[in-house]
C-alpha atoms as a PDB file:
ATOM      1  CA  UNK A   1      -5.860  65.144-112.070  1.00  0.00           C
ATOM      2  CA  UNK A   2      -2.090  65.370-111.693  1.00  0.00           C
ATOM      3  CA  UNK A   3      -2.260  69.172-111.341  1.00  0.00           C
ATOM      4  CA  UNK A   4      -4.539  68.935-108.313  1.00  0.00           C
ATOM      5  CA  UNK A   5      -2.256  66.475-106.550  1.00  0.00           C
ATOM      6  CA  UNK A   6       0.881  68.534-107.283  1.00  0.00           C
ATOM      7  CA  UNK A   7      -0.385  71.876-105.951  1.00  0.00           C
ATOM      8  CA  UNK A   8       1.349  73.229-102.864  1.00  0.00           C
ATOM      9  CA  UNK A   9      -0.211  75.538-100.332  1.00  0.00           C
ATOM     10  CA  UNK A  10      -3.565  73.768-100.120  1.00  0.00           C
ATOM     11  CA  UNK A  11      -5.359  73.675 -96.792  1.00  0.00           C
ATOM     12  CA  UNK A  12      -7.630  70.946 -95.443  1.00  0.00           C
ATOM     13  CA  UNK A  13      -6.075  68.525 -97.895  1.00  0.00           C
ATOM     14  CA  UNK A  14      -6.031  65.647 -95.445  1.00  0.00           C
ATOM     15  CA  UNK A  15      -8.719  64.304 -93.122  1.00  0.00           C
ATOM     16  CA  UNK A  16      -6.394  65.072 -90.206  1.00  0.00           C
ATOM     17  CA  UNK A  17      -6.497  68.760 -91.088  1.00  0.00           C
ATOM     18  CA  UNK A  18     -10.287  68.841 -91.004  1.00  0.00           C
ATOM     19  CA  UNK A  19     -10.500  66.769 -87.823  1.00  0.00           C
ATOM     20  CA  UNK A  20      -7.904  68.943 -86.075  1.00  0.00           C
ATOM     21  CA  UNK A  21      -9.775  72.055 -87.120  1.00  0.00           C
ATOM     22  CA  UNK A  22     -13.167  70.785 -85.908  1.00  0.00           C
ATOM     23  CA  UNK A  23     -11.814  69.415 -82.598  1.00  0.00           C
ATOM     24  CA  UNK A  24      -9.857  72.647 -82.129  1.00  0.00           C
ATOM     25  CA  UNK A  25     -12.923  74.781 -82.800  1.00  0.00           C
ATOM     26  CA  UNK A  26     -14.969  72.787 -80.289  1.00  0.00           C
ATOM     27  CA  UNK A  27     -12.265  73.063 -77.616  1.00  0.00           C
ATOM     28  CA  UNK A  28     -11.634  76.753 -78.289  1.00  0.00           C
ATOM     29  CA  UNK A  29     -15.331  77.612 -78.086  1.00  0.00           C
ATOM     30  CA  UNK A  30     -15.762  75.437 -74.987  1.00  0.00           C
ATOM     31  CA  UNK A  31     -13.034  77.383 -73.210  1.00  0.00           C
ATOM     32  CA  UNK A  32     -13.540  80.819 -74.728  1.00  0.00           C
ATOM     33  CA  UNK A  33     -17.314  81.311 -74.428  1.00  0.00           C
ATOM     34  CA  UNK A  34     -17.418  81.000 -70.598  1.00  0.00           C
ATOM     35  CA  UNK A  35     -14.302  83.197 -70.300  1.00  0.00           C
ATOM     36  CA  UNK A  36     -15.810  85.954 -72.431  1.00  0.00           C
ATOM     37  CA  UNK A  37     -19.086  85.665 -70.531  1.00  0.00           C
ATOM     38  CA  UNK A  38     -17.282  85.954 -67.173  1.00  0.00           C
ATOM     39  CA  UNK A  39     -15.605  89.218 -68.158  1.00  0.00           C
ATOM     40  CA  UNK A  40     -18.827  90.618 -69.625  1.00  0.00           C
ATOM     41  CA  UNK A  41     -17.976  90.520 -73.331  1.00  0.00           C
ATOM     42  CA  UNK A  42     -20.702  87.954 -74.077  1.00  0.00           C
ATOM     43  CA  UNK A  43     -24.225  87.995 -72.729  1.00  0.00           C
ATOM     44  CA  UNK A  44     -24.649  84.243 -73.203  1.00  0.00           C
ATOM     45  CA  UNK A  45     -22.709  81.193 -72.154  1.00  0.00           C
ATOM     46  CA  UNK A  46     -22.769  77.452 -72.675  1.00  0.00           C
ATOM     47  CA  UNK A  47     -25.489  75.295 -71.093  1.00  0.00           C
ATOM     48  CA  UNK A  48     -25.059  74.558 -67.388  1.00  0.00           C
ATOM     49  CA  UNK A  49     -24.285  70.875 -67.967  1.00  0.00           C
ATOM     50  CA  UNK A  50     -21.187  71.952 -69.899  1.00  0.00           C
ATOM     51  CA  UNK A  51     -20.066  74.878 -67.757  1.00  0.00           C
ATOM     52  CA  UNK A  52     -20.671  73.007 -64.522  1.00  0.00           C
ATOM     53  CA  UNK A  53     -18.234  70.183 -65.174  1.00  0.00           C
ATOM     54  CA  UNK A  54     -15.955  69.685 -62.182  1.00  0.00           C
ATOM     55  CA  UNK A  55     -12.234  70.389 -62.337  1.00  0.00           C
ATOM     56  CA  UNK A  56     -11.584  66.632 -62.060  1.00  0.00           C
ATOM     57  CA  UNK A  57     -13.131  66.145 -65.493  1.00  0.00           C
ATOM     58  CA  UNK A  58     -11.668  69.287 -67.056  1.00  0.00           C
ATOM     59  CA  UNK A  59      -8.127  68.248 -66.145  1.00  0.00           C
ATOM     60  CA  UNK A  60      -8.668  65.114 -68.229  1.00  0.00           C
ATOM     61  CA  UNK A  61      -9.791  67.334 -71.121  1.00  0.00           C
ATOM     62  CA  UNK A  62      -6.566  69.332 -70.709  1.00  0.00           C
ATOM     63  CA  UNK A  63      -4.439  66.153 -70.649  1.00  0.00           C
ATOM     64  CA  UNK A  64      -6.135  64.551 -73.654  1.00  0.00           C
ATOM     65  CA  UNK A  65      -6.133  67.864 -75.544  1.00  0.00           C
ATOM     66  CA  UNK A  66      -2.396  68.238 -74.846  1.00  0.00           C
ATOM     67  CA  UNK A  67      -1.784  64.718 -76.151  1.00  0.00           C
ATOM     68  CA  UNK A  68      -3.799  65.553 -79.267  1.00  0.00           C
ATOM     69  CA  UNK A  69      -1.690  68.693 -79.848  1.00  0.00           C
ATOM     70  CA  UNK A  70       1.501  66.584 -79.532  1.00  0.00           C
ATOM     71  CA  UNK A  71       0.164  64.028 -82.020  1.00  0.00           C
ATOM     72  CA  UNK A  72      -0.910  66.811 -84.368  1.00  0.00           C
ATOM     73  CA  UNK A  73       2.598  68.274 -84.127  1.00  0.00           C
ATOM     74  CA  UNK A  74       4.206  64.905 -84.847  1.00  0.00           C
ATOM     75  CA  UNK A  75       2.080  64.535 -87.969  1.00  0.00           C
ATOM     76  CA  UNK A  76       2.960  68.036 -89.233  1.00  0.00           C
ATOM     77  CA  UNK A  77       5.528  68.026 -92.021  1.00  0.00           C
ATOM     78  CA  UNK A  78       8.987  68.276 -90.444  1.00  0.00           C
ATOM     79  CA  UNK A  79       9.919  71.295 -92.537  1.00  0.00           C
ATOM     80  CA  UNK A  80       6.914  73.226 -91.212  1.00  0.00           C
ATOM     81  CA  UNK A  81       7.799  75.570 -88.339  1.00  0.00           C
ATOM     82  CA  UNK A  82       4.659  74.413 -86.509  1.00  0.00           C
ATOM     83  CA  UNK A  83       6.099  70.905 -86.140  1.00  0.00           C
ATOM     84  CA  UNK A  84       8.410  71.602 -83.161  1.00  0.00           C
ATOM     85  CA  UNK A  85       6.146  74.332 -81.743  1.00  0.00           C
ATOM     86  CA  UNK A  86       3.075  72.082 -81.517  1.00  0.00           C
ATOM     87  CA  UNK A  87       5.130  69.242 -80.057  1.00  0.00           C
ATOM     88  CA  UNK A  88       6.737  71.490 -77.432  1.00  0.00           C
ATOM     89  CA  UNK A  89       3.581  73.301 -76.334  1.00  0.00           C
ATOM     90  CA  UNK A  90       1.605  70.055 -76.496  1.00  0.00           C
ATOM     91  CA  UNK A  91       4.063  68.343 -74.150  1.00  0.00           C
ATOM     92  CA  UNK A  92       3.758  71.248 -71.699  1.00  0.00           C
ATOM     93  CA  UNK A  93      -0.059  71.097 -71.844  1.00  0.00           C
ATOM     94  CA  UNK A  94      -0.002  67.315 -71.489  1.00  0.00           C
ATOM     95  CA  UNK A  95       2.236  67.615 -68.422  1.00  0.00           C
ATOM     96  CA  UNK A  96      -0.023  70.278 -66.893  1.00  0.00           C
ATOM     97  CA  UNK A  97      -2.920  67.869 -67.345  1.00  0.00           C
ATOM     98  CA  UNK A  98      -1.099  64.762 -66.160  1.00  0.00           C
ATOM     99  CA  UNK A  99       0.507  66.164 -62.990  1.00  0.00           C
ATOM    100  CA  UNK A 100      -2.786  66.597 -61.064  1.00  0.00           C
ATOM    101  CA  UNK A 101      -4.062  63.246 -62.359  1.00  0.00           C
ATOM    102  CA  UNK A 102      -0.907  61.436 -61.266  1.00  0.00           C
ATOM    103  CA  UNK A 103      -1.031  63.245 -57.928  1.00  0.00           C
ATOM    104  CA  UNK A 104      -4.634  62.149 -57.368  1.00  0.00           C
ATOM    105  CA  UNK A 105      -3.601  58.519 -57.952  1.00  0.00           C
ATOM    106  CA  UNK A 106      -0.632  59.022 -55.552  1.00  0.00           C
ATOM    107  CA  UNK A 107       1.925  58.375 -58.281  1.00  0.00           C
ATOM    108  CA  UNK A 108       3.689  61.689 -57.666  1.00  0.00           C
ATOM    109  CA  UNK A 109       3.725  63.665 -54.379  1.00  0.00           C
ATOM    110  CA  UNK A 110       3.001  67.136 -55.827  1.00  0.00           C
ATOM    111  CA  UNK A 111       0.419  68.968 -57.885  1.00  0.00           C
ATOM    112  CA  UNK A 112       0.114  72.357 -59.552  1.00  0.00           C
ATOM    113  CA  UNK A 113      -1.051  75.112 -57.200  1.00  0.00           C
ATOM    114  CA  UNK A 114      -2.533  77.307 -59.938  1.00  0.00           C
ATOM    115  CA  UNK A 115      -5.039  74.572 -60.807  1.00  0.00           C
ATOM    116  CA  UNK A 116      -7.676  74.662 -58.119  1.00  0.00           C
ATOM    117  CA  UNK A 117     -11.421  74.759 -57.839  1.00  0.00           C
ATOM    118  CA  UNK A 118     -11.731  77.774 -60.145  1.00  0.00           C
ATOM    119  CA  UNK A 119     -12.574  76.734 -63.687  1.00  0.00           C
ATOM    120  CA  UNK A 120     -10.801  79.725 -65.261  1.00  0.00           C
ATOM    121  CA  UNK A 121      -7.313  78.122 -65.561  1.00  0.00           C
ATOM    122  CA  UNK A 122      -8.855  75.056 -67.201  1.00  0.00           C
ATOM    123  CA  UNK A 123     -10.860  77.210 -69.617  1.00  0.00           C
ATOM    124  CA  UNK A 124      -7.710  79.116 -70.570  1.00  0.00           C
ATOM    125  CA  UNK A 125      -5.714  75.912 -71.159  1.00  0.00           C
ATOM    126  CA  UNK A 126      -8.526  74.333 -73.178  1.00  0.00           C
ATOM    127  CA  UNK A 127      -8.836  77.507 -75.280  1.00  0.00           C
ATOM    128  CA  UNK A 128      -5.091  77.432 -75.999  1.00  0.00           C
ATOM    129  CA  UNK A 129      -5.295  73.766 -77.047  1.00  0.00           C
ATOM    130  CA  UNK A 130      -8.215  74.548 -79.320  1.00  0.00           C
ATOM    131  CA  UNK A 131      -6.449  77.464 -80.961  1.00  0.00           C
ATOM    132  CA  UNK A 132      -3.331  75.366 -81.561  1.00  0.00           C
ATOM    133  CA  UNK A 133      -5.398  72.642 -83.217  1.00  0.00           C
ATOM    134  CA  UNK A 134      -7.210  75.215 -85.362  1.00  0.00           C
ATOM    135  CA  UNK A 135      -3.849  76.607 -86.487  1.00  0.00           C
ATOM    136  CA  UNK A 136      -2.641  73.068 -87.201  1.00  0.00           C
ATOM    137  CA  UNK A 137      -5.768  72.472 -89.283  1.00  0.00           C
ATOM    138  CA  UNK A 138      -4.863  75.411 -91.513  1.00  0.00           C
ATOM    139  CA  UNK A 139      -1.386  74.088 -92.219  1.00  0.00           C
ATOM    140  CA  UNK A 140      -0.420  74.348 -95.840  1.00  0.00           C
ATOM    141  CA  UNK A 141       0.997  71.235 -97.427  1.00  0.00           C
END
């Protein structure tokens, strides 16, 4: 029993690893499948109720996903090189998600021009968040 607990380099050793991986996979597939379909690499896509979500909802997914990446980075062991990377990229993604939300509530007077009615920027950001969480899920401890 002591040998199992002392081994280094194990993956999915904590519930957080598994949860990060599963949430990351869901986000990555949610963003990636419609993107690949749009450029003709996939002949199928997600159901219309998922692909037809308005940008107002997707920006919340980006903001919450960014917050999750930050939290995942904070939980990473400090000696792991992913620790500062996940925190930094997560903060950027969180800010990208929060700026339009705060603008809509008239808290700040500006928004981000590259986030418009097209769903493509949101799908790209959500895919990035998913991939970061998948990578975080594979962290060796």
